[in-house]
Amino acid sequence: MTSTTPDGERLLTSPCLIRFPRLLGDEADGALARLDRELDWQRPSLRLFGRDHPIPRRQVWMGDAAYRYSGRDFAPTPWHPVVRTIHEAVVARLAAAGVAARFNSVLLNRYDGGTDRMGWHCDDEPELGEAPLIAAVSLGTERPLRFRWKDRRAPAFNVALPHDSLLLMGAGTQDALEHALLPRRLEGLRLSLTFRWVHP
């Protein structure tokens, strides 16, 4: 059940799932353009079932800590000034909603149209610790993020991710739910920035 509060739209209570509008306001369009233009977007390959497969999107791992995903280590690039500004805006918005959060890393994904995608997964790598908090910022073309319960207790559902929105996936979300950005018949660029704390 959804409810609208001054702090955002609470989509789930347990686990906590809250969507906030207008994170950057008038600066959102410029942030999208600068990040698309200035970052060194990569398309790494991941090894699945003994074969290397290029991921169906481009990405940049940024921050203070290295990260291991699907058997591969990713060294971070230094913080871009626009990403640092977004990071500060995320922490401030969450603090205003009564959520104390800290992040030392961010995964940026670039989706160039509806064929670029992210498969079903949950952010539960050991480096993220128990019950991690994930804050996802969306810039550009709106696309729905699909969620499904791991125990299939209820039907899967979509969460719309408009331009300049922030989605908080609170403690317990990664234990209970998987999420995916599925292919869509649409055009337009979308950037996703998922902030998290990586333990050394």
C-alpha atoms as a PDB file:
ATOM      1  CA  MET A   1       0.000   0.000   0.000  1.00  0.00           C
ATOM      2  CA  THR A   2       1.347   3.425  -0.908  1.00  0.00           C
ATOM      3  CA  SER A   3       1.071   6.548   1.202  1.00  0.00           C
ATOM      4  CA  THR A   4       2.270  10.063   0.464  1.00  0.00           C
ATOM      5  CA  THR A   5       4.083  12.021   3.157  1.00  0.00           C
ATOM      6  CA  PRO A   6       6.142  15.223   3.108  1.00  0.00           C
ATOM      7  CA  ASP A   7       9.187  12.970   3.136  1.00  0.00           C
ATOM      8  CA  GLY A   8       8.254  10.957   0.048  1.00  0.00           C
ATOM      9  CA  GLU A   9       5.967   8.179  -1.104  1.00  0.00           C
ATOM     10  CA  ARG A  10       6.179   5.081   1.060  1.00  0.00           C
ATOM     11  CA  LEU A  11       5.671   2.138  -1.283  1.00  0.00           C
ATOM     12  CA  LEU A  12       6.356  -0.589   1.288  1.00  0.00           C
ATOM     13  CA  THR A  13       6.648  -0.497   5.057  1.00  0.00           C
ATOM     14  CA  SER A  14       8.337  -3.842   5.643  1.00  0.00           C
ATOM     15  CA  PRO A  15      10.826  -3.846   4.093  1.00  0.00           C
ATOM     16  CA  CYS A  16      11.117  -0.106   3.691  1.00  0.00           C
ATOM     17  CA  LEU A  17      10.750   1.204   0.133  1.00  0.00           C
ATOM     18  CA  ILE A  18      10.337   4.984  -0.303  1.00  0.00           C
ATOM     19  CA  ARG A  19      10.420   7.133  -3.452  1.00  0.00           C
ATOM     20  CA  PHE A  20      11.353  10.813  -3.290  1.00  0.00           C
ATOM     21  CA  PRO A  21      10.709  13.282  -6.157  1.00  0.00           C
ATOM     22  CA  ARG A  22      12.871  16.163  -7.377  1.00  0.00           C
ATOM     23  CA  LEU A  23      16.152  15.382  -5.700  1.00  0.00           C
ATOM     24  CA  LEU A  24      18.225  17.918  -7.666  1.00  0.00           C
ATOM     25  CA  GLY A  25      15.511  20.197  -9.025  1.00  0.00           C
ATOM     26  CA  ASP A  26      16.730  22.558 -11.730  1.00  0.00           C
ATOM     27  CA  GLU A  27      20.196  20.966 -11.669  1.00  0.00           C
ATOM     28  CA  ALA A  28      18.989  17.522 -12.766  1.00  0.00           C
ATOM     29  CA  ASP A  29      19.129  18.094 -16.525  1.00  0.00           C
ATOM     30  CA  GLY A  30      22.650  19.491 -16.335  1.00  0.00           C
ATOM     31  CA  ALA A  31      23.799  16.601 -14.147  1.00  0.00           C
ATOM     32  CA  LEU A  32      22.478  14.091 -16.677  1.00  0.00           C
ATOM     33  CA  ALA A  33      24.249  15.822 -19.567  1.00  0.00           C
ATOM     34  CA  ARG A  34      27.577  16.180 -17.758  1.00  0.00           C
ATOM     35  CA  LEU A  35      27.717  12.614 -16.500  1.00  0.00           C
ATOM     36  CA  ASP A  36      26.822  11.211 -19.908  1.00  0.00           C
ATOM     37  CA  ARG A  37      29.487  13.343 -21.558  1.00  0.00           C
ATOM     38  CA  GLU A  38      32.322  13.283 -19.021  1.00  0.00           C
ATOM     39  CA  LEU A  39      32.433   9.776 -17.556  1.00  0.00           C
ATOM     40  CA  ASP A  40      34.427   6.929 -19.089  1.00  0.00           C
ATOM     41  CA  TRP A  41      31.562   4.499 -19.534  1.00  0.00           C
ATOM     42  CA  GLN A  42      32.614   0.847 -19.734  1.00  0.00           C
ATOM     43  CA  ARG A  43      30.941  -2.358 -20.902  1.00  0.00           C
ATOM     44  CA  PRO A  44      32.770  -5.087 -18.955  1.00  0.00           C
ATOM     45  CA  SER A  45      32.230  -8.795 -19.459  1.00  0.00           C
ATOM     46  CA  LEU A  46      31.059 -11.108 -16.702  1.00  0.00           C
ATOM     47  CA  ARG A  47      31.717 -14.839 -16.610  1.00  0.00           C
ATOM     48  CA  LEU A  48      28.528 -16.905 -16.509  1.00  0.00           C
ATOM     49  CA  PHE A  49      28.471 -20.678 -16.903  1.00  0.00           C
ATOM     50  CA  GLY A  50      32.077 -20.657 -18.070  1.00  0.00           C
ATOM     51  CA  ARG A  51      31.659 -17.973 -20.749  1.00  0.00           C
ATOM     52  CA  ASP A  52      32.313 -14.240 -20.842  1.00  0.00           C
ATOM     53  CA  HIS A  53      29.296 -12.085 -21.654  1.00  0.00           C
ATOM     54  CA  PRO A  54      29.381  -8.291 -22.145  1.00  0.00           C
ATOM     55  CA  ILE A  55      26.835  -6.682 -19.848  1.00  0.00           C
ATOM     56  CA  PRO A  56      23.772  -5.181 -21.640  1.00  0.00           C
ATOM     57  CA  ARG A  57      24.487  -1.606 -20.469  1.00  0.00           C
ATOM     58  CA  ARG A  58      27.475   0.607 -19.656  1.00  0.00           C
ATOM     59  CA  GLN A  59      28.711   1.353 -16.178  1.00  0.00           C
ATOM     60  CA  VAL A  60      31.214   3.117 -13.935  1.00  0.00           C
ATOM     61  CA  TRP A  61      32.176   2.026 -10.416  1.00  0.00           C
ATOM     62  CA  MET A  62      33.095   5.103  -8.360  1.00  0.00           C
ATOM     63  CA  GLY A  63      34.057   5.943  -4.806  1.00  0.00           C
ATOM     64  CA  ASP A  64      36.430   4.891  -2.068  1.00  0.00           C
ATOM     65  CA  ALA A  65      36.297   1.085  -2.163  1.00  0.00           C
ATOM     66  CA  ALA A  66      36.865  -1.744  -4.606  1.00  0.00           C
ATOM     67  CA  TYR A  67      33.967  -4.092  -5.315  1.00  0.00           C
ATOM     68  CA  ARG A  68      33.616  -7.732  -6.325  1.00  0.00           C
ATOM     69  CA  TYR A  69      30.666  -8.778  -8.462  1.00  0.00           C
ATOM     70  CA  SER A  70      30.018 -12.017 -10.321  1.00  0.00           C
ATOM     71  CA  GLY A  71      33.586 -13.182  -9.765  1.00  0.00           C
ATOM     72  CA  ARG A  72      35.216  -9.982 -10.994  1.00  0.00           C
ATOM     73  CA  ASP A  73      36.951  -7.188  -9.085  1.00  0.00           C
ATOM     74  CA  PHE A  74      36.144  -3.571  -9.953  1.00  0.00           C
ATOM     75  CA  ALA A  75      38.564  -0.822  -8.945  1.00  0.00           C
ATOM     76  CA  PRO A  76      36.856   2.511  -8.260  1.00  0.00           C
ATOM     77  CA  THR A  77      37.345   5.685 -10.246  1.00  0.00           C
ATOM     78  CA  PRO A  78      37.672   8.916  -8.236  1.00  0.00           C
ATOM     79  CA  TRP A  79      34.556  10.835  -7.283  1.00  0.00           C
ATOM     80  CA  HIS A  80      33.293  13.075 -10.082  1.00  0.00           C
ATOM     81  CA  PRO A  81      32.222  16.494  -8.732  1.00  0.00           C
ATOM     82  CA  VAL A  82      28.664  16.063 -10.033  1.00  0.00           C
ATOM     83  CA  VAL A  83      28.379  12.649  -8.399  1.00  0.00           C
ATOM     84  CA  ARG A  84      29.704  14.081  -5.132  1.00  0.00           C
ATOM     85  CA  THR A  85      27.015  16.771  -5.287  1.00  0.00           C
ATOM     86  CA  ILE A  86      24.346  14.116  -5.892  1.00  0.00           C
ATOM     87  CA  HIS A  87      25.742  12.084  -2.994  1.00  0.00           C
ATOM     88  CA  GLU A  88      25.404  15.079  -0.681  1.00  0.00           C
ATOM     89  CA  ALA A  89      21.842  15.684  -1.898  1.00  0.00           C
ATOM     90  CA  VAL A  90      20.904  12.044  -1.236  1.00  0.00           C
ATOM     91  CA  VAL A  91      22.283  12.069   2.306  1.00  0.00           C
ATOM     92  CA  ALA A  92      20.547  15.382   3.045  1.00  0.00           C
ATOM     93  CA  ARG A  93      17.170  14.234   1.675  1.00  0.00           C
ATOM     94  CA  LEU A  94      17.309  11.008   3.656  1.00  0.00           C
ATOM     95  CA  ALA A  95      18.346  12.858   6.825  1.00  0.00           C
ATOM     96  CA  ALA A  96      15.358  15.179   6.402  1.00  0.00           C
ATOM     97  CA  ALA A  97      13.178  12.047   6.288  1.00  0.00           C
ATOM     98  CA  GLY A  98      14.717  10.728   9.483  1.00  0.00           C
ATOM     99  CA  VAL A  99      17.011   8.184   7.807  1.00  0.00           C
ATOM    100  CA  ALA A 100      20.668   8.302   8.831  1.00  0.00           C
ATOM    101  CA  ALA A 101      22.721   7.056   5.896  1.00  0.00           C
ATOM    102  CA  ARG A 102      26.327   6.993   4.773  1.00  0.00           C
ATOM    103  CA  PHE A 103      27.740   5.885   1.439  1.00  0.00           C
ATOM    104  CA  ASN A 104      31.314   5.437   0.248  1.00  0.00           C
ATOM    105  CA  SER A 105      30.665   4.068  -3.245  1.00  0.00           C
ATOM    106  CA  VAL A 106      28.259   4.282  -6.143  1.00  0.00           C
ATOM    107  CA  LEU A 107      27.550   2.152  -9.204  1.00  0.00           C
ATOM    108  CA  LEU A 108      26.497   4.227 -12.208  1.00  0.00           C
ATOM    109  CA  ASN A 109      24.650   2.436 -15.000  1.00  0.00           C
ATOM    110  CA  ARG A 110      23.943   3.924 -18.427  1.00  0.00           C
ATOM    111  CA  TYR A 111      20.921   2.595 -20.332  1.00  0.00           C
ATOM    112  CA  ASP A 112      20.836   3.770 -23.946  1.00  0.00           C
ATOM    113  CA  GLY A 113      17.258   2.936 -24.871  1.00  0.00           C
ATOM    114  CA  GLY A 114      14.924   0.153 -23.868  1.00  0.00           C
ATOM    115  CA  THR A 115      17.092  -2.777 -24.955  1.00  0.00           C
ATOM    116  CA  ASP A 116      19.759  -1.987 -22.341  1.00  0.00           C
ATOM    117  CA  ARG A 117      18.785  -3.766 -19.163  1.00  0.00           C
ATOM    118  CA  MET A 118      19.657  -5.246 -15.784  1.00  0.00           C
ATOM    119  CA  GLY A 119      18.652  -8.807 -14.914  1.00  0.00           C
ATOM    120  CA  TRP A 120      17.104 -10.120 -11.725  1.00  0.00           C
ATOM    121  CA  HIS A 121      19.360  -9.691  -8.707  1.00  0.00           C
ATOM    122  CA  CYS A 122      19.618  -8.433  -5.162  1.00  0.00           C
ATOM    123  CA  ASP A 123      22.427  -6.314  -3.739  1.00  0.00           C
ATOM    124  CA  ASP A 124      23.552  -8.770  -1.073  1.00  0.00           C
ATOM    125  CA  GLU A 125      27.273  -9.160  -1.683  1.00  0.00           C
ATOM    126  CA  PRO A 126      29.270  -9.817   1.523  1.00  0.00           C
ATOM    127  CA  GLU A 127      31.081  -6.479   1.186  1.00  0.00           C
ATOM    128  CA  LEU A 128      27.759  -4.669   1.727  1.00  0.00           C
ATOM    129  CA  GLY A 129      27.268  -6.192   5.177  1.00  0.00           C
ATOM    130  CA  GLU A 130      24.019  -7.316   6.723  1.00  0.00           C
ATOM    131  CA  ALA A 131      20.786  -5.549   5.746  1.00  0.00           C
ATOM    132  CA  PRO A 132      22.414  -2.929   3.473  1.00  0.00           C
ATOM    133  CA  LEU A 133      20.729   0.361   2.664  1.00  0.00           C
ATOM    134  CA  ILE A 134      20.731   1.248  -1.052  1.00  0.00           C
ATOM    135  CA  ALA A 135      19.796   4.665  -2.452  1.00  0.00           C
ATOM    136  CA  ALA A 136      19.075   4.754  -6.197  1.00  0.00           C
ATOM    137  CA  VAL A 137      18.949   8.019  -8.142  1.00  0.00           C
ATOM    138  CA  SER A 138      17.379   8.069 -11.623  1.00  0.00           C
ATOM    139  CA  LEU A 139      18.168  10.640 -14.298  1.00  0.00           C
ATOM    140  CA  GLY A 140      16.693  10.728 -17.802  1.00  0.00           C
ATOM    141  CA  THR A 141      13.992   8.593 -19.390  1.00  0.00           C
ATOM    142  CA  GLU A 142      11.530   7.096 -16.927  1.00  0.00           C
ATOM    143  CA  ARG A 143      11.576   3.309 -16.663  1.00  0.00           C
ATOM    144  CA  PRO A 144       9.932   0.949 -14.170  1.00  0.00           C
ATOM    145  CA  LEU A 145      12.021  -1.097 -11.780  1.00  0.00           C
ATOM    146  CA  ARG A 146      10.443  -4.530 -11.387  1.00  0.00           C
ATOM    147  CA  PHE A 147      10.382  -6.160  -7.931  1.00  0.00           C
ATOM    148  CA  ARG A 148       9.499  -9.720  -6.973  1.00  0.00           C
ATOM    149  CA  TRP A 149       9.346 -11.424  -3.582  1.00  0.00           C
ATOM    150  CA  LYS A 150      11.888 -14.176  -3.100  1.00  0.00           C
ATOM    151  CA  ASP A 151       9.308 -16.367  -1.350  1.00  0.00           C
ATOM    152  CA  ARG A 152       6.590 -15.422  -3.898  1.00  0.00           C
ATOM    153  CA  ARG A 153       4.305 -14.282  -1.062  1.00  0.00           C
ATOM    154  CA  ALA A 154       2.673 -11.704  -3.337  1.00  0.00           C
ATOM    155  CA  PRO A 155       2.669 -10.742  -7.031  1.00  0.00           C
ATOM    156  CA  ALA A 156       5.615  -8.915  -8.577  1.00  0.00           C
ATOM    157  CA  PHE A 157       5.202  -5.170  -8.935  1.00  0.00           C
ATOM    158  CA  ASN A 158       6.669  -2.169 -10.758  1.00  0.00           C
ATOM    159  CA  VAL A 159       8.073   1.023  -9.268  1.00  0.00           C
ATOM    160  CA  ALA A 160       8.209   3.933 -11.702  1.00  0.00           C
ATOM    161  CA  LEU A 161      11.527   5.787 -11.620  1.00  0.00           C
ATOM    162  CA  PRO A 162      10.986   9.290 -13.020  1.00  0.00           C
ATOM    163  CA  HIS A 163      13.741  11.710 -13.940  1.00  0.00           C
ATOM    164  CA  ASP A 164      15.338  13.243 -10.823  1.00  0.00           C
ATOM    165  CA  SER A 165      13.835  10.723  -8.396  1.00  0.00           C
ATOM    166  CA  LEU A 166      15.414   8.920  -5.445  1.00  0.00           C
ATOM    167  CA  LEU A 167      14.402   5.413  -4.393  1.00  0.00           C
ATOM    168  CA  LEU A 168      15.390   4.231  -0.925  1.00  0.00           C
ATOM    169  CA  MET A 169      15.688   0.470  -0.519  1.00  0.00           C
ATOM    170  CA  GLY A 170      15.913   0.169   3.243  1.00  0.00           C
ATOM    171  CA  ALA A 171      17.240  -2.542   5.524  1.00  0.00           C
ATOM    172  CA  GLY A 172      15.800  -5.931   4.673  1.00  0.00           C
ATOM    173  CA  THR A 173      14.866  -5.112   1.082  1.00  0.00           C
ATOM    174  CA  GLN A 174      17.689  -7.183  -0.398  1.00  0.00           C
ATOM    175  CA  ASP A 175      16.776 -10.138   1.841  1.00  0.00           C
ATOM    176  CA  ALA A 176      13.116 -10.165   0.837  1.00  0.00           C
ATOM    177  CA  LEU A 177      13.056  -8.901  -2.760  1.00  0.00           C
ATOM    178  CA  GLU A 178      14.842  -9.162  -6.081  1.00  0.00           C
ATOM    179  CA  HIS A 179      14.722  -6.376  -8.650  1.00  0.00           C
ATOM    180  CA  ALA A 180      15.402  -5.946 -12.364  1.00  0.00           C
ATOM    181  CA  LEU A 181      15.283  -3.327 -15.103  1.00  0.00           C
ATOM    182  CA  LEU A 182      13.603  -5.313 -17.855  1.00  0.00           C
ATOM    183  CA  PRO A 183      13.665  -4.504 -21.605  1.00  0.00           C
ATOM    184  CA  ARG A 184      11.093  -1.979 -22.807  1.00  0.00           C
ATOM    185  CA  ARG A 185      10.022  -0.623 -26.177  1.00  0.00           C
ATOM    186  CA  LEU A 186      11.157   2.928 -25.595  1.00  0.00           C
ATOM    187  CA  GLU A 187      13.873   5.359 -26.561  1.00  0.00           C
ATOM    188  CA  GLY A 188      15.939   7.765 -24.541  1.00  0.00           C
ATOM    189  CA  LEU A 189      18.896   7.795 -22.204  1.00  0.00           C
ATOM    190  CA  ARG A 190      18.637   6.805 -18.550  1.00  0.00           C
ATOM    191  CA  LEU A 191      21.341   6.951 -15.887  1.00  0.00           C
ATOM    192  CA  SER A 192      21.046   5.155 -12.572  1.00  0.00           C
ATOM    193  CA  LEU A 193      23.282   5.897  -9.574  1.00  0.00           C
ATOM    194  CA  THR A 194      23.023   3.357  -6.748  1.00  0.00           C
ATOM    195  CA  PHE A 195      24.807   4.507  -3.620  1.00  0.00           C
ATOM    196  CA  ARG A 196      25.915   1.993  -1.020  1.00  0.00           C
ATOM    197  CA  TRP A 197      28.428   1.439   1.777  1.00  0.00           C
ATOM    198  CA  VAL A 198      31.139  -1.100   0.979  1.00  0.00           C
ATOM    199  CA  HIS A 199      32.915  -2.558   3.998  1.00  0.00           C
ATOM    200  CA  PRO A 200      36.690  -2.962   3.696  1.00  0.00           C
END
